[in-house]
N, C-alpha and C. Protein backbone atom coordinates (compact mmCIF):
# COMPACT_ATOMS: atom_id res chain seq x y z
N MET A 1 -19.16 -3.69 -132.35
CA MET A 1 -18.65 -2.38 -132.74
C MET A 1 -19.26 -1.30 -131.84
N TYR A 2 -18.41 -0.48 -131.26
CA TYR A 2 -18.89 0.55 -130.35
C TYR A 2 -19.49 1.72 -131.13
N LEU A 3 -20.47 2.38 -130.51
CA LEU A 3 -21.22 3.43 -131.18
C LEU A 3 -20.83 4.82 -130.70
N VAL A 4 -19.59 4.98 -130.30
CA VAL A 4 -19.08 6.28 -129.88
C VAL A 4 -17.77 6.56 -130.61
N GLU A 5 -17.39 7.81 -130.65
CA GLU A 5 -16.14 8.18 -131.32
C GLU A 5 -14.95 7.63 -130.54
N GLU A 6 -13.84 7.44 -131.23
CA GLU A 6 -12.65 6.84 -130.63
C GLU A 6 -12.16 7.63 -129.41
N LYS A 7 -12.24 8.94 -129.50
CA LYS A 7 -11.79 9.78 -128.39
C LYS A 7 -12.62 9.53 -127.13
N ARG A 8 -13.94 9.41 -127.31
CA ARG A 8 -14.82 9.15 -126.16
C ARG A 8 -14.63 7.73 -125.63
N LEU A 9 -14.40 6.79 -126.54
CA LEU A 9 -14.15 5.42 -126.12
C LEU A 9 -12.88 5.34 -125.29
N LYS A 10 -11.85 6.06 -125.70
CA LYS A 10 -10.60 6.09 -124.94
C LYS A 10 -10.84 6.67 -123.55
N ARG A 11 -11.66 7.71 -123.48
CA ARG A 11 -11.98 8.32 -122.18
C ARG A 11 -12.67 7.30 -121.28
N MET A 12 -13.59 6.54 -121.82
CA MET A 12 -14.28 5.51 -121.05
C MET A 12 -13.29 4.46 -120.53
N LYS A 13 -12.38 4.05 -121.39
CA LYS A 13 -11.39 3.04 -120.99
C LYS A 13 -10.46 3.58 -119.90
N ASP A 14 -10.07 4.84 -120.04
CA ASP A 14 -9.20 5.46 -119.04
C ASP A 14 -9.90 5.52 -117.68
N ILE A 15 -11.19 5.84 -117.69
CA ILE A 15 -11.97 5.90 -116.45
C ILE A 15 -12.06 4.52 -115.81
N LEU A 16 -12.36 3.52 -116.62
CA LEU A 16 -12.52 2.16 -116.09
C LEU A 16 -11.20 1.61 -115.54
N ALA A 17 -10.10 2.08 -116.08
CA ALA A 17 -8.79 1.63 -115.59
C ALA A 17 -8.53 2.10 -114.17
N LYS A 18 -9.26 3.12 -113.72
CA LYS A 18 -9.06 3.65 -112.38
C LYS A 18 -10.24 3.39 -111.43
N ARG A 19 -11.29 2.76 -111.92
CA ARG A 19 -12.44 2.50 -111.07
C ARG A 19 -12.06 1.57 -109.93
N GLN A 20 -12.54 1.92 -108.73
CA GLN A 20 -12.24 1.17 -107.52
C GLN A 20 -13.43 0.30 -107.15
N LYS A 21 -13.36 -0.98 -107.49
CA LYS A 21 -14.52 -1.83 -107.23
C LYS A 21 -14.59 -2.28 -105.77
N ASP A 22 -13.53 -2.03 -105.00
CA ASP A 22 -13.58 -2.39 -103.58
C ASP A 22 -13.69 -1.16 -102.67
N LEU A 23 -14.16 -0.05 -103.25
CA LEU A 23 -14.50 1.14 -102.47
C LEU A 23 -15.91 1.57 -102.90
N SER A 24 -16.85 1.46 -101.97
CA SER A 24 -18.24 1.76 -102.31
C SER A 24 -18.85 2.69 -101.26
N VAL A 25 -19.96 3.29 -101.65
CA VAL A 25 -20.74 4.13 -100.73
C VAL A 25 -22.13 3.54 -100.61
N PHE A 26 -22.65 3.54 -99.38
CA PHE A 26 -24.03 3.12 -99.14
C PHE A 26 -24.79 4.28 -98.52
N MET A 27 -25.82 4.74 -99.22
CA MET A 27 -26.68 5.81 -98.70
C MET A 27 -27.90 5.17 -98.04
N ASP A 28 -28.01 5.35 -96.74
CA ASP A 28 -29.09 4.74 -95.97
C ASP A 28 -30.26 5.73 -95.85
N ASP A 29 -31.11 5.72 -96.87
CA ASP A 29 -32.32 6.55 -96.89
C ASP A 29 -32.03 8.05 -96.96
N VAL A 30 -31.04 8.42 -97.75
CA VAL A 30 -30.81 9.84 -98.04
C VAL A 30 -31.92 10.28 -98.99
N LYS A 31 -32.70 11.28 -98.58
CA LYS A 31 -33.91 11.63 -99.33
C LYS A 31 -33.80 12.92 -100.14
N ASN A 32 -32.99 13.85 -99.68
CA ASN A 32 -32.88 15.13 -100.37
C ASN A 32 -32.18 14.96 -101.72
N GLU A 33 -32.80 15.46 -102.78
CA GLU A 33 -32.24 15.22 -104.12
C GLU A 33 -30.90 15.90 -104.33
N HIS A 34 -30.67 17.03 -103.67
CA HIS A 34 -29.36 17.68 -103.78
C HIS A 34 -28.29 16.79 -103.16
N ASN A 35 -28.55 16.28 -101.96
CA ASN A 35 -27.58 15.42 -101.29
C ASN A 35 -27.34 14.13 -102.06
N PHE A 36 -28.43 13.49 -102.44
CA PHE A 36 -28.33 12.22 -103.17
C PHE A 36 -27.51 12.39 -104.44
N SER A 37 -27.80 13.44 -105.18
CA SER A 37 -27.14 13.68 -106.47
C SER A 37 -25.69 14.11 -106.29
N ALA A 38 -25.44 14.95 -105.27
CA ALA A 38 -24.07 15.41 -105.03
C ALA A 38 -23.17 14.26 -104.60
N ILE A 39 -23.70 13.33 -103.83
CA ILE A 39 -22.91 12.16 -103.41
C ILE A 39 -22.54 11.31 -104.62
N ILE A 40 -23.48 11.11 -105.52
CA ILE A 40 -23.20 10.36 -106.75
C ILE A 40 -22.08 11.03 -107.55
N ARG A 41 -22.16 12.35 -107.65
CA ARG A 41 -21.16 13.09 -108.43
C ARG A 41 -19.76 12.94 -107.82
N THR A 42 -19.68 12.99 -106.49
CA THR A 42 -18.39 12.81 -105.83
C THR A 42 -17.88 11.38 -106.01
N CYS A 43 -18.79 10.42 -105.94
CA CYS A 43 -18.38 9.02 -106.13
C CYS A 43 -17.74 8.83 -107.51
N ASP A 44 -18.36 9.39 -108.53
CA ASP A 44 -17.78 9.32 -109.86
C ASP A 44 -16.41 9.98 -109.89
N ALA A 45 -16.29 11.12 -109.22
CA ALA A 45 -15.04 11.89 -109.26
C ALA A 45 -13.87 11.13 -108.64
N VAL A 46 -14.12 10.33 -107.60
CA VAL A 46 -13.02 9.63 -106.94
C VAL A 46 -12.86 8.19 -107.45
N GLY A 47 -13.68 7.81 -108.43
CA GLY A 47 -13.50 6.49 -109.03
C GLY A 47 -14.27 5.36 -108.40
N VAL A 48 -15.32 5.68 -107.64
CA VAL A 48 -16.17 4.63 -107.06
C VAL A 48 -16.98 3.97 -108.18
N LEU A 49 -17.04 2.66 -108.18
CA LEU A 49 -17.77 1.92 -109.21
C LEU A 49 -19.24 1.72 -108.83
N ASN A 50 -19.48 1.26 -107.60
CA ASN A 50 -20.83 0.92 -107.16
C ASN A 50 -21.31 1.83 -106.04
N VAL A 51 -22.50 2.39 -106.22
CA VAL A 51 -23.15 3.20 -105.20
C VAL A 51 -24.44 2.50 -104.80
N TYR A 52 -24.53 2.10 -103.54
CA TYR A 52 -25.71 1.40 -103.05
C TYR A 52 -26.60 2.37 -102.27
N TYR A 53 -27.88 2.09 -102.26
CA TYR A 53 -28.78 2.97 -101.53
C TYR A 53 -30.03 2.21 -101.06
N ARG A 54 -30.53 2.62 -99.91
CA ARG A 54 -31.86 2.22 -99.45
C ARG A 54 -32.72 3.48 -99.50
N TYR A 55 -33.92 3.35 -100.02
CA TYR A 55 -34.78 4.53 -100.19
C TYR A 55 -36.19 4.14 -99.80
N SER A 56 -36.72 4.75 -98.74
CA SER A 56 -37.99 4.32 -98.16
C SER A 56 -39.22 4.90 -98.83
N LEU A 57 -39.07 5.98 -99.59
CA LEU A 57 -40.24 6.61 -100.20
C LEU A 57 -40.71 5.84 -101.43
N LYS A 58 -42.00 5.88 -101.67
CA LYS A 58 -42.60 5.15 -102.79
C LYS A 58 -42.58 6.01 -104.06
N ARG A 59 -41.43 6.43 -104.45
CA ARG A 59 -41.29 7.19 -105.69
C ARG A 59 -39.88 6.99 -106.24
N GLU A 60 -39.62 7.60 -107.38
CA GLU A 60 -38.31 7.45 -108.01
C GLU A 60 -37.20 8.03 -107.13
N ILE A 61 -36.02 7.46 -107.24
CA ILE A 61 -34.89 8.00 -106.48
C ILE A 61 -34.64 9.45 -106.91
N PRO A 62 -34.20 10.29 -105.98
CA PRO A 62 -34.15 11.74 -106.22
C PRO A 62 -32.90 12.22 -106.94
N ILE A 63 -32.77 11.86 -108.22
CA ILE A 63 -31.61 12.31 -108.99
C ILE A 63 -31.92 13.65 -109.65
N ASN A 64 -31.07 14.62 -109.40
CA ASN A 64 -31.16 15.93 -110.03
C ASN A 64 -30.02 16.03 -111.03
N GLU A 65 -30.35 15.95 -112.31
CA GLU A 65 -29.32 15.92 -113.34
C GLU A 65 -28.56 17.24 -113.44
N GLY A 66 -29.16 18.32 -112.93
CA GLY A 66 -28.46 19.59 -112.90
C GLY A 66 -27.32 19.57 -111.89
N ILE A 67 -27.39 18.64 -110.93
CA ILE A 67 -26.34 18.49 -109.92
C ILE A 67 -25.37 17.37 -110.30
N THR A 68 -25.88 16.25 -110.76
CA THR A 68 -24.98 15.15 -111.12
C THR A 68 -24.17 15.46 -112.38
N LEU A 69 -24.73 16.30 -113.25
CA LEU A 69 -24.09 16.61 -114.55
C LEU A 69 -23.76 15.33 -115.31
N GLY A 70 -24.64 14.34 -115.17
CA GLY A 70 -24.45 13.07 -115.88
C GLY A 70 -23.66 12.03 -115.13
N ALA A 71 -23.17 12.36 -113.94
CA ALA A 71 -22.34 11.40 -113.19
C ALA A 71 -23.09 10.11 -112.87
N HIS A 72 -24.43 10.18 -112.75
CA HIS A 72 -25.22 8.99 -112.43
C HIS A 72 -25.17 7.95 -113.56
N LYS A 73 -24.74 8.37 -114.75
CA LYS A 73 -24.62 7.44 -115.86
C LYS A 73 -23.34 6.61 -115.80
N TRP A 74 -22.38 7.06 -115.00
CA TRP A 74 -21.05 6.44 -115.01
C TRP A 74 -20.74 5.66 -113.74
N VAL A 75 -21.68 5.62 -112.80
CA VAL A 75 -21.55 4.74 -111.65
C VAL A 75 -22.74 3.78 -111.68
N PHE A 76 -22.63 2.69 -110.96
CA PHE A 76 -23.71 1.72 -110.94
C PHE A 76 -24.51 1.89 -109.65
N LEU A 77 -25.75 2.39 -109.80
CA LEU A 77 -26.64 2.60 -108.67
C LEU A 77 -27.42 1.32 -108.40
N LYS A 78 -27.32 0.83 -107.17
CA LYS A 78 -27.94 -0.45 -106.83
C LYS A 78 -28.79 -0.30 -105.58
N LYS A 79 -30.07 -0.58 -105.73
CA LYS A 79 -31.00 -0.42 -104.61
C LYS A 79 -30.89 -1.58 -103.63
N VAL A 80 -30.97 -1.25 -102.34
CA VAL A 80 -30.89 -2.23 -101.25
C VAL A 80 -32.22 -2.21 -100.50
N GLU A 81 -32.79 -3.36 -100.27
CA GLU A 81 -34.08 -3.42 -99.56
C GLU A 81 -33.89 -3.41 -98.05
N ASN A 82 -32.85 -4.07 -97.58
CA ASN A 82 -32.62 -4.18 -96.13
C ASN A 82 -31.18 -3.81 -95.81
N SER A 83 -30.99 -2.72 -95.10
CA SER A 83 -29.64 -2.21 -94.82
C SER A 83 -28.81 -3.22 -94.06
N TYR A 84 -29.39 -3.82 -93.03
CA TYR A 84 -28.65 -4.75 -92.18
C TYR A 84 -28.18 -5.97 -92.98
N ASP A 85 -29.10 -6.59 -93.71
CA ASP A 85 -28.75 -7.79 -94.48
C ASP A 85 -27.68 -7.48 -95.52
N PHE A 86 -27.80 -6.33 -96.16
CA PHE A 86 -26.84 -5.95 -97.20
C PHE A 86 -25.44 -5.77 -96.61
N LEU A 87 -25.34 -4.99 -95.53
CA LEU A 87 -24.02 -4.72 -94.96
C LEU A 87 -23.42 -5.96 -94.31
N LYS A 88 -24.27 -6.81 -93.74
CA LYS A 88 -23.80 -8.07 -93.16
C LYS A 88 -23.17 -8.94 -94.24
N LYS A 89 -23.82 -9.01 -95.39
CA LYS A 89 -23.29 -9.80 -96.51
C LYS A 89 -21.96 -9.23 -96.99
N LYS A 90 -21.89 -7.91 -97.12
CA LYS A 90 -20.65 -7.27 -97.57
C LYS A 90 -19.52 -7.49 -96.56
N LYS A 91 -19.86 -7.47 -95.31
CA LYS A 91 -18.86 -7.72 -94.26
C LYS A 91 -18.33 -9.15 -94.38
N GLU A 92 -19.22 -10.08 -94.65
CA GLU A 92 -18.82 -11.48 -94.83
C GLU A 92 -17.94 -11.65 -96.07
N GLU A 93 -18.11 -10.76 -97.05
CA GLU A 93 -17.30 -10.80 -98.27
C GLU A 93 -15.93 -10.17 -98.07
N GLY A 94 -15.69 -9.58 -96.89
CA GLY A 94 -14.38 -9.03 -96.59
C GLY A 94 -14.30 -7.52 -96.59
N PHE A 95 -15.43 -6.83 -96.73
CA PHE A 95 -15.43 -5.38 -96.68
C PHE A 95 -15.46 -4.89 -95.24
N GLN A 96 -14.72 -3.83 -94.95
CA GLN A 96 -14.88 -3.15 -93.67
C GLN A 96 -16.01 -2.13 -93.84
N ILE A 97 -16.79 -1.98 -92.78
CA ILE A 97 -17.93 -1.07 -92.81
C ILE A 97 -17.57 0.17 -92.00
N VAL A 98 -17.52 1.30 -92.68
CA VAL A 98 -17.18 2.58 -92.03
C VAL A 98 -18.43 3.45 -92.05
N ILE A 99 -18.91 3.80 -90.86
CA ILE A 99 -20.17 4.54 -90.74
C ILE A 99 -19.91 5.92 -90.15
N THR A 100 -20.44 6.94 -90.80
CA THR A 100 -20.33 8.28 -90.23
C THR A 100 -21.37 8.39 -89.12
N TYR A 101 -20.88 8.53 -87.88
CA TYR A 101 -21.79 8.49 -86.73
C TYR A 101 -21.08 9.05 -85.51
N LEU A 102 -21.78 9.89 -84.79
CA LEU A 102 -21.21 10.50 -83.59
C LEU A 102 -21.57 9.67 -82.36
N SER A 103 -20.54 9.14 -81.70
CA SER A 103 -20.73 8.38 -80.47
C SER A 103 -19.43 8.43 -79.67
N LYS A 104 -19.44 7.89 -78.47
CA LYS A 104 -18.26 7.94 -77.61
C LYS A 104 -17.10 7.11 -78.16
N ASP A 105 -17.41 6.13 -79.02
CA ASP A 105 -16.33 5.31 -79.58
C ASP A 105 -16.03 5.68 -81.03
N SER A 106 -16.55 6.80 -81.51
CA SER A 106 -16.23 7.26 -82.86
C SER A 106 -14.79 7.78 -82.90
N ILE A 107 -14.16 7.62 -84.07
CA ILE A 107 -12.78 8.05 -84.24
C ILE A 107 -12.67 9.06 -85.38
N ASN A 108 -11.57 9.78 -85.41
CA ASN A 108 -11.29 10.70 -86.50
C ASN A 108 -11.28 9.92 -87.82
N PHE A 109 -11.98 10.42 -88.83
CA PHE A 109 -12.12 9.70 -90.10
C PHE A 109 -10.78 9.42 -90.77
N ARG A 110 -9.74 10.20 -90.45
CA ARG A 110 -8.44 10.01 -91.07
C ARG A 110 -7.67 8.81 -90.48
N LYS A 111 -8.15 8.26 -89.38
CA LYS A 111 -7.45 7.14 -88.74
C LYS A 111 -7.82 5.79 -89.34
N VAL A 112 -8.74 5.78 -90.29
CA VAL A 112 -9.16 4.53 -90.93
C VAL A 112 -8.27 4.26 -92.15
N ASP A 113 -7.95 2.99 -92.38
CA ASP A 113 -7.20 2.59 -93.56
C ASP A 113 -8.20 2.28 -94.68
N TYR A 114 -8.38 3.21 -95.59
CA TYR A 114 -9.34 3.05 -96.67
C TYR A 114 -8.77 2.30 -97.87
N THR A 115 -7.52 1.85 -97.76
CA THR A 115 -6.97 1.04 -98.86
C THR A 115 -7.49 -0.40 -98.77
N LYS A 116 -8.11 -0.74 -97.64
CA LYS A 116 -8.77 -2.04 -97.51
C LYS A 116 -10.12 -1.97 -98.25
N PRO A 117 -10.67 -3.13 -98.63
CA PRO A 117 -12.02 -3.12 -99.20
C PRO A 117 -12.99 -2.44 -98.22
N THR A 118 -13.65 -1.40 -98.66
CA THR A 118 -14.39 -0.52 -97.75
C THR A 118 -15.75 -0.12 -98.31
N ILE A 119 -16.73 -0.12 -97.43
CA ILE A 119 -18.02 0.50 -97.73
C ILE A 119 -18.21 1.64 -96.73
N ILE A 120 -18.40 2.84 -97.25
CA ILE A 120 -18.67 4.01 -96.42
C ILE A 120 -20.18 4.20 -96.36
N ALA A 121 -20.75 4.09 -95.18
CA ALA A 121 -22.20 4.20 -95.01
C ALA A 121 -22.56 5.55 -94.40
N VAL A 122 -23.47 6.25 -95.07
CA VAL A 122 -23.94 7.54 -94.57
C VAL A 122 -25.45 7.50 -94.48
N GLY A 123 -26.00 8.33 -93.57
CA GLY A 123 -27.41 8.19 -93.27
C GLY A 123 -28.28 9.36 -93.67
N ASN A 124 -29.53 9.20 -93.33
CA ASN A 124 -30.57 10.19 -93.59
C ASN A 124 -30.22 11.54 -92.98
N GLU A 125 -30.64 12.61 -93.64
CA GLU A 125 -30.30 13.97 -93.22
C GLU A 125 -30.73 14.29 -91.79
N MET A 126 -31.84 13.73 -91.36
CA MET A 126 -32.37 14.06 -90.02
C MET A 126 -32.00 13.02 -88.97
N SER A 127 -32.15 11.75 -89.32
CA SER A 127 -32.00 10.69 -88.32
C SER A 127 -30.69 9.92 -88.42
N GLY A 128 -29.89 10.16 -89.47
CA GLY A 128 -28.64 9.43 -89.62
C GLY A 128 -28.87 8.01 -90.10
N VAL A 129 -27.90 7.15 -89.86
CA VAL A 129 -28.02 5.76 -90.30
C VAL A 129 -28.99 5.01 -89.40
N SER A 130 -29.52 3.91 -89.91
CA SER A 130 -30.42 3.06 -89.13
C SER A 130 -29.67 2.49 -87.92
N GLU A 131 -30.33 2.50 -86.78
CA GLU A 131 -29.69 2.03 -85.54
C GLU A 131 -29.22 0.58 -85.65
N ASP A 132 -29.95 -0.24 -86.40
CA ASP A 132 -29.62 -1.67 -86.42
C ASP A 132 -28.33 -1.99 -87.15
N ILE A 133 -27.82 -1.06 -87.95
CA ILE A 133 -26.58 -1.38 -88.69
C ILE A 133 -25.33 -0.98 -87.93
N LEU A 134 -25.49 -0.25 -86.83
CA LEU A 134 -24.32 0.23 -86.10
C LEU A 134 -23.46 -0.90 -85.57
N GLU A 135 -24.09 -2.01 -85.20
CA GLU A 135 -23.33 -3.14 -84.66
C GLU A 135 -22.45 -3.80 -85.71
N LEU A 136 -22.73 -3.51 -86.98
CA LEU A 136 -21.93 -4.08 -88.06
C LEU A 136 -20.70 -3.25 -88.39
N SER A 137 -20.62 -2.06 -87.81
CA SER A 137 -19.52 -1.15 -88.18
C SER A 137 -18.18 -1.64 -87.66
N ASP A 138 -17.17 -1.53 -88.51
CA ASP A 138 -15.80 -1.74 -88.07
C ASP A 138 -15.24 -0.45 -87.49
N HIS A 139 -15.73 0.66 -88.04
CA HIS A 139 -15.33 1.98 -87.54
C HIS A 139 -16.52 2.93 -87.64
N LYS A 140 -16.76 3.66 -86.57
CA LYS A 140 -17.66 4.80 -86.61
C LYS A 140 -16.77 6.03 -86.66
N VAL A 141 -17.00 6.91 -87.63
CA VAL A 141 -16.07 8.02 -87.82
C VAL A 141 -16.76 9.37 -87.69
N ILE A 142 -15.97 10.34 -87.26
CA ILE A 142 -16.43 11.72 -87.20
C ILE A 142 -15.40 12.60 -87.90
N ILE A 143 -15.87 13.75 -88.35
CA ILE A 143 -15.01 14.75 -88.96
C ILE A 143 -14.80 15.86 -87.94
N PRO A 144 -13.55 16.14 -87.53
CA PRO A 144 -13.32 17.17 -86.51
C PRO A 144 -13.87 18.53 -86.93
N MET A 145 -14.47 19.23 -85.98
CA MET A 145 -15.06 20.54 -86.27
C MET A 145 -14.65 21.52 -85.19
N TYR A 146 -14.41 22.76 -85.61
CA TYR A 146 -13.96 23.78 -84.67
C TYR A 146 -14.83 25.04 -84.74
N GLY A 147 -15.98 24.92 -85.34
CA GLY A 147 -16.88 26.06 -85.44
C GLY A 147 -18.05 25.94 -84.50
N MET A 148 -18.95 26.89 -84.58
CA MET A 148 -20.14 26.89 -83.75
C MET A 148 -21.09 25.77 -84.17
N VAL A 149 -21.18 25.52 -85.48
CA VAL A 149 -22.05 24.45 -85.98
C VAL A 149 -21.25 23.15 -86.01
N GLN A 150 -21.76 22.14 -85.33
CA GLN A 150 -21.00 20.89 -85.18
C GLN A 150 -21.50 19.78 -86.08
N SER A 151 -21.80 20.12 -87.33
CA SER A 151 -22.19 19.09 -88.28
C SER A 151 -22.00 19.62 -89.69
N LEU A 152 -21.88 18.69 -90.63
CA LEU A 152 -21.77 19.02 -92.05
C LEU A 152 -22.96 18.42 -92.78
N ASN A 153 -23.34 19.03 -93.86
CA ASN A 153 -24.31 18.45 -94.78
C ASN A 153 -23.82 17.05 -95.17
N VAL A 154 -24.73 16.08 -95.30
CA VAL A 154 -24.34 14.69 -95.55
C VAL A 154 -23.54 14.55 -96.84
N SER A 155 -23.87 15.33 -97.87
CA SER A 155 -23.11 15.21 -99.12
C SER A 155 -21.70 15.75 -98.96
N VAL A 156 -21.56 16.81 -98.17
CA VAL A 156 -20.22 17.38 -97.91
C VAL A 156 -19.40 16.41 -97.06
N ALA A 157 -20.01 15.86 -96.03
CA ALA A 157 -19.31 14.92 -95.15
C ALA A 157 -18.85 13.69 -95.95
N THR A 158 -19.70 13.20 -96.83
CA THR A 158 -19.33 12.05 -97.65
C THR A 158 -18.14 12.39 -98.55
N ALA A 159 -18.16 13.58 -99.12
CA ALA A 159 -17.06 14.01 -99.99
C ALA A 159 -15.75 14.09 -99.22
N VAL A 160 -15.79 14.61 -98.01
CA VAL A 160 -14.58 14.73 -97.19
C VAL A 160 -13.98 13.34 -96.94
N VAL A 161 -14.82 12.39 -96.55
CA VAL A 161 -14.33 11.04 -96.27
C VAL A 161 -13.82 10.36 -97.55
N LEU A 162 -14.56 10.53 -98.63
CA LEU A 162 -14.15 9.90 -99.89
C LEU A 162 -12.81 10.43 -100.38
N TYR A 163 -12.57 11.71 -100.20
CA TYR A 163 -11.29 12.24 -100.68
C TYR A 163 -10.12 11.84 -99.80
N GLU A 164 -10.39 11.52 -98.54
CA GLU A 164 -9.34 10.92 -97.71
C GLU A 164 -9.05 9.51 -98.22
N ALA A 165 -10.11 8.77 -98.57
CA ALA A 165 -9.92 7.44 -99.14
C ALA A 165 -9.15 7.51 -100.46
N GLN A 166 -9.50 8.49 -101.28
CA GLN A 166 -8.81 8.67 -102.56
C GLN A 166 -7.33 8.99 -102.34
N ARG A 167 -7.04 9.85 -101.37
CA ARG A 167 -5.65 10.22 -101.08
C ARG A 167 -4.83 9.00 -100.69
N GLN A 168 -5.38 8.20 -99.77
CA GLN A 168 -4.67 7.02 -99.31
C GLN A 168 -4.45 6.01 -100.44
N ARG A 169 -5.48 5.82 -101.24
CA ARG A 169 -5.39 4.85 -102.33
C ARG A 169 -4.42 5.30 -103.41
N GLU A 170 -4.41 6.59 -103.68
CA GLU A 170 -3.47 7.12 -104.67
C GLU A 170 -2.04 6.94 -104.18
N GLU A 171 -1.79 7.21 -102.90
CA GLU A 171 -0.44 7.04 -102.35
C GLU A 171 0.03 5.60 -102.43
N LYS A 172 -0.91 4.68 -102.31
CA LYS A 172 -0.56 3.25 -102.36
C LYS A 172 -0.52 2.71 -103.79
N GLY A 173 -0.87 3.54 -104.76
CA GLY A 173 -0.81 3.12 -106.16
C GLY A 173 -2.01 2.35 -106.65
N LEU A 174 -3.12 2.45 -105.93
CA LEU A 174 -4.30 1.66 -106.32
C LEU A 174 -5.02 2.20 -107.55
N TYR A 175 -4.67 3.42 -107.95
CA TYR A 175 -5.26 3.97 -109.18
C TYR A 175 -4.37 3.72 -110.40
N SER A 176 -3.20 3.19 -110.17
CA SER A 176 -2.24 3.05 -111.26
C SER A 176 -2.35 1.72 -111.99
N LYS A 177 -3.15 0.80 -111.46
CA LYS A 177 -3.36 -0.47 -112.14
C LYS A 177 -4.85 -0.84 -112.04
N PRO A 178 -5.42 -1.36 -113.11
CA PRO A 178 -6.86 -1.65 -113.12
C PRO A 178 -7.26 -2.68 -112.06
N GLN A 179 -8.37 -2.43 -111.40
CA GLN A 179 -8.95 -3.41 -110.49
C GLN A 179 -9.94 -4.31 -111.22
N LEU A 180 -10.50 -3.79 -112.31
CA LEU A 180 -11.47 -4.56 -113.08
C LEU A 180 -10.76 -5.51 -114.04
N SER A 181 -11.34 -6.69 -114.20
CA SER A 181 -10.80 -7.63 -115.18
C SER A 181 -11.17 -7.15 -116.58
N GLN A 182 -10.51 -7.68 -117.59
CA GLN A 182 -10.83 -7.30 -118.97
C GLN A 182 -12.27 -7.67 -119.30
N GLU A 183 -12.73 -8.79 -118.76
CA GLU A 183 -14.12 -9.21 -118.98
C GLU A 183 -15.10 -8.20 -118.39
N GLU A 184 -14.79 -7.71 -117.19
CA GLU A 184 -15.64 -6.70 -116.56
C GLU A 184 -15.62 -5.39 -117.34
N ILE A 185 -14.45 -5.00 -117.80
CA ILE A 185 -14.33 -3.77 -118.59
C ILE A 185 -15.12 -3.89 -119.89
N ASP A 186 -14.99 -5.02 -120.57
CA ASP A 186 -15.72 -5.22 -121.82
C ASP A 186 -17.24 -5.16 -121.60
N LYS A 187 -17.69 -5.73 -120.50
CA LYS A 187 -19.13 -5.74 -120.18
C LYS A 187 -19.65 -4.33 -119.96
N ILE A 188 -18.87 -3.52 -119.24
CA ILE A 188 -19.28 -2.14 -118.97
C ILE A 188 -19.22 -1.31 -120.24
N LEU A 189 -18.19 -1.51 -121.04
CA LEU A 189 -18.10 -0.77 -122.31
C LEU A 189 -19.26 -1.10 -123.23
N LYS A 190 -19.71 -2.34 -123.21
CA LYS A 190 -20.87 -2.72 -124.01
C LYS A 190 -22.09 -1.91 -123.58
N LYS A 191 -22.24 -1.74 -122.27
CA LYS A 191 -23.37 -0.95 -121.76
C LYS A 191 -23.22 0.52 -122.13
N TRP A 192 -22.07 1.09 -121.81
CA TRP A 192 -21.86 2.52 -122.01
C TRP A 192 -21.83 2.92 -123.48
N ALA A 193 -21.13 2.15 -124.28
CA ALA A 193 -20.82 2.56 -125.66
C ALA A 193 -21.72 1.92 -126.71
N ILE A 194 -22.63 1.05 -126.29
CA ILE A 194 -23.57 0.46 -127.24
C ILE A 194 -25.01 0.59 -126.70
N GLU A 195 -25.29 -0.10 -125.61
CA GLU A 195 -26.67 -0.17 -125.11
C GLU A 195 -27.21 1.20 -124.70
N ASP A 196 -26.40 1.96 -123.94
CA ASP A 196 -26.87 3.28 -123.50
C ASP A 196 -27.03 4.26 -124.66
N VAL A 197 -26.17 4.12 -125.66
CA VAL A 197 -26.26 4.98 -126.85
C VAL A 197 -27.57 4.71 -127.60
N ILE A 198 -27.90 3.44 -127.75
CA ILE A 198 -29.14 3.06 -128.43
C ILE A 198 -30.37 3.56 -127.65
N LYS A 199 -30.33 3.40 -126.32
CA LYS A 199 -31.45 3.88 -125.50
C LYS A 199 -31.63 5.39 -125.61
N ALA A 200 -30.51 6.09 -125.59
CA ALA A 200 -30.57 7.56 -125.68
C ALA A 200 -31.15 7.99 -127.03
N LYS A 201 -30.78 7.29 -128.09
CA LYS A 201 -31.31 7.62 -129.43
C LYS A 201 -32.81 7.36 -129.50
N LYS A 202 -33.25 6.26 -128.90
CA LYS A 202 -34.68 5.94 -128.91
C LYS A 202 -35.47 6.98 -128.14
N ARG A 203 -34.94 7.43 -127.00
CA ARG A 203 -35.62 8.46 -126.22
C ARG A 203 -35.73 9.75 -127.03
N LYS A 204 -34.65 10.09 -127.71
CA LYS A 204 -34.63 11.32 -128.52
C LYS A 204 -35.62 11.22 -129.67
N ASP A 205 -35.70 10.04 -130.30
CA ASP A 205 -36.61 9.84 -131.43
C ASP A 205 -38.08 9.89 -130.99
N ASN A 206 -38.34 9.55 -129.72
CA ASN A 206 -39.71 9.52 -129.21
C ASN A 206 -40.19 10.87 -128.68
N LEU A 207 -39.30 11.84 -128.63
CA LEU A 207 -39.70 13.17 -128.14
C LEU A 207 -40.62 13.88 -129.14
């Protein structure tokens, strides 16, 4: 028996019906809490199910709940120890690796077909993605710019690419039929509507 009102349960089911399990984001050592949190919020908004990250600092991941507005509760955050090994495995599973990176062979981000199983990899605010993962990329992408400043904040750049992916997927009808199996949906609903509710109550009782 679920521990949420019927209206909220319906909202959860509606969200899960549109979650894209073959569209993911990988944050390669994004350290700024605003960027980290804003990327999570955008991922939730476009229906990303899994958000992967590598984080080199010896402290908690930098989630700012004032920025996520709770979005971190509705995506699955999964820590990665080794960027290269992780992306290599995903590539072997059939995902294309799209990396935001400026180089002579980079292409306009709109030229990529994001309706394919895709992982969008974005890098650290100062140094970008790790050099060793570039060889795994199927596409290195750039966002065209016509101003004096030739770069975007990493959270903004991620949002721009994700909404192009969302546009393409919506046109192809990928949001109109569930990607998750009923078993997967039931498992997530158990977490959201039972386990997380119990945890939240215990935290409140311990205050």
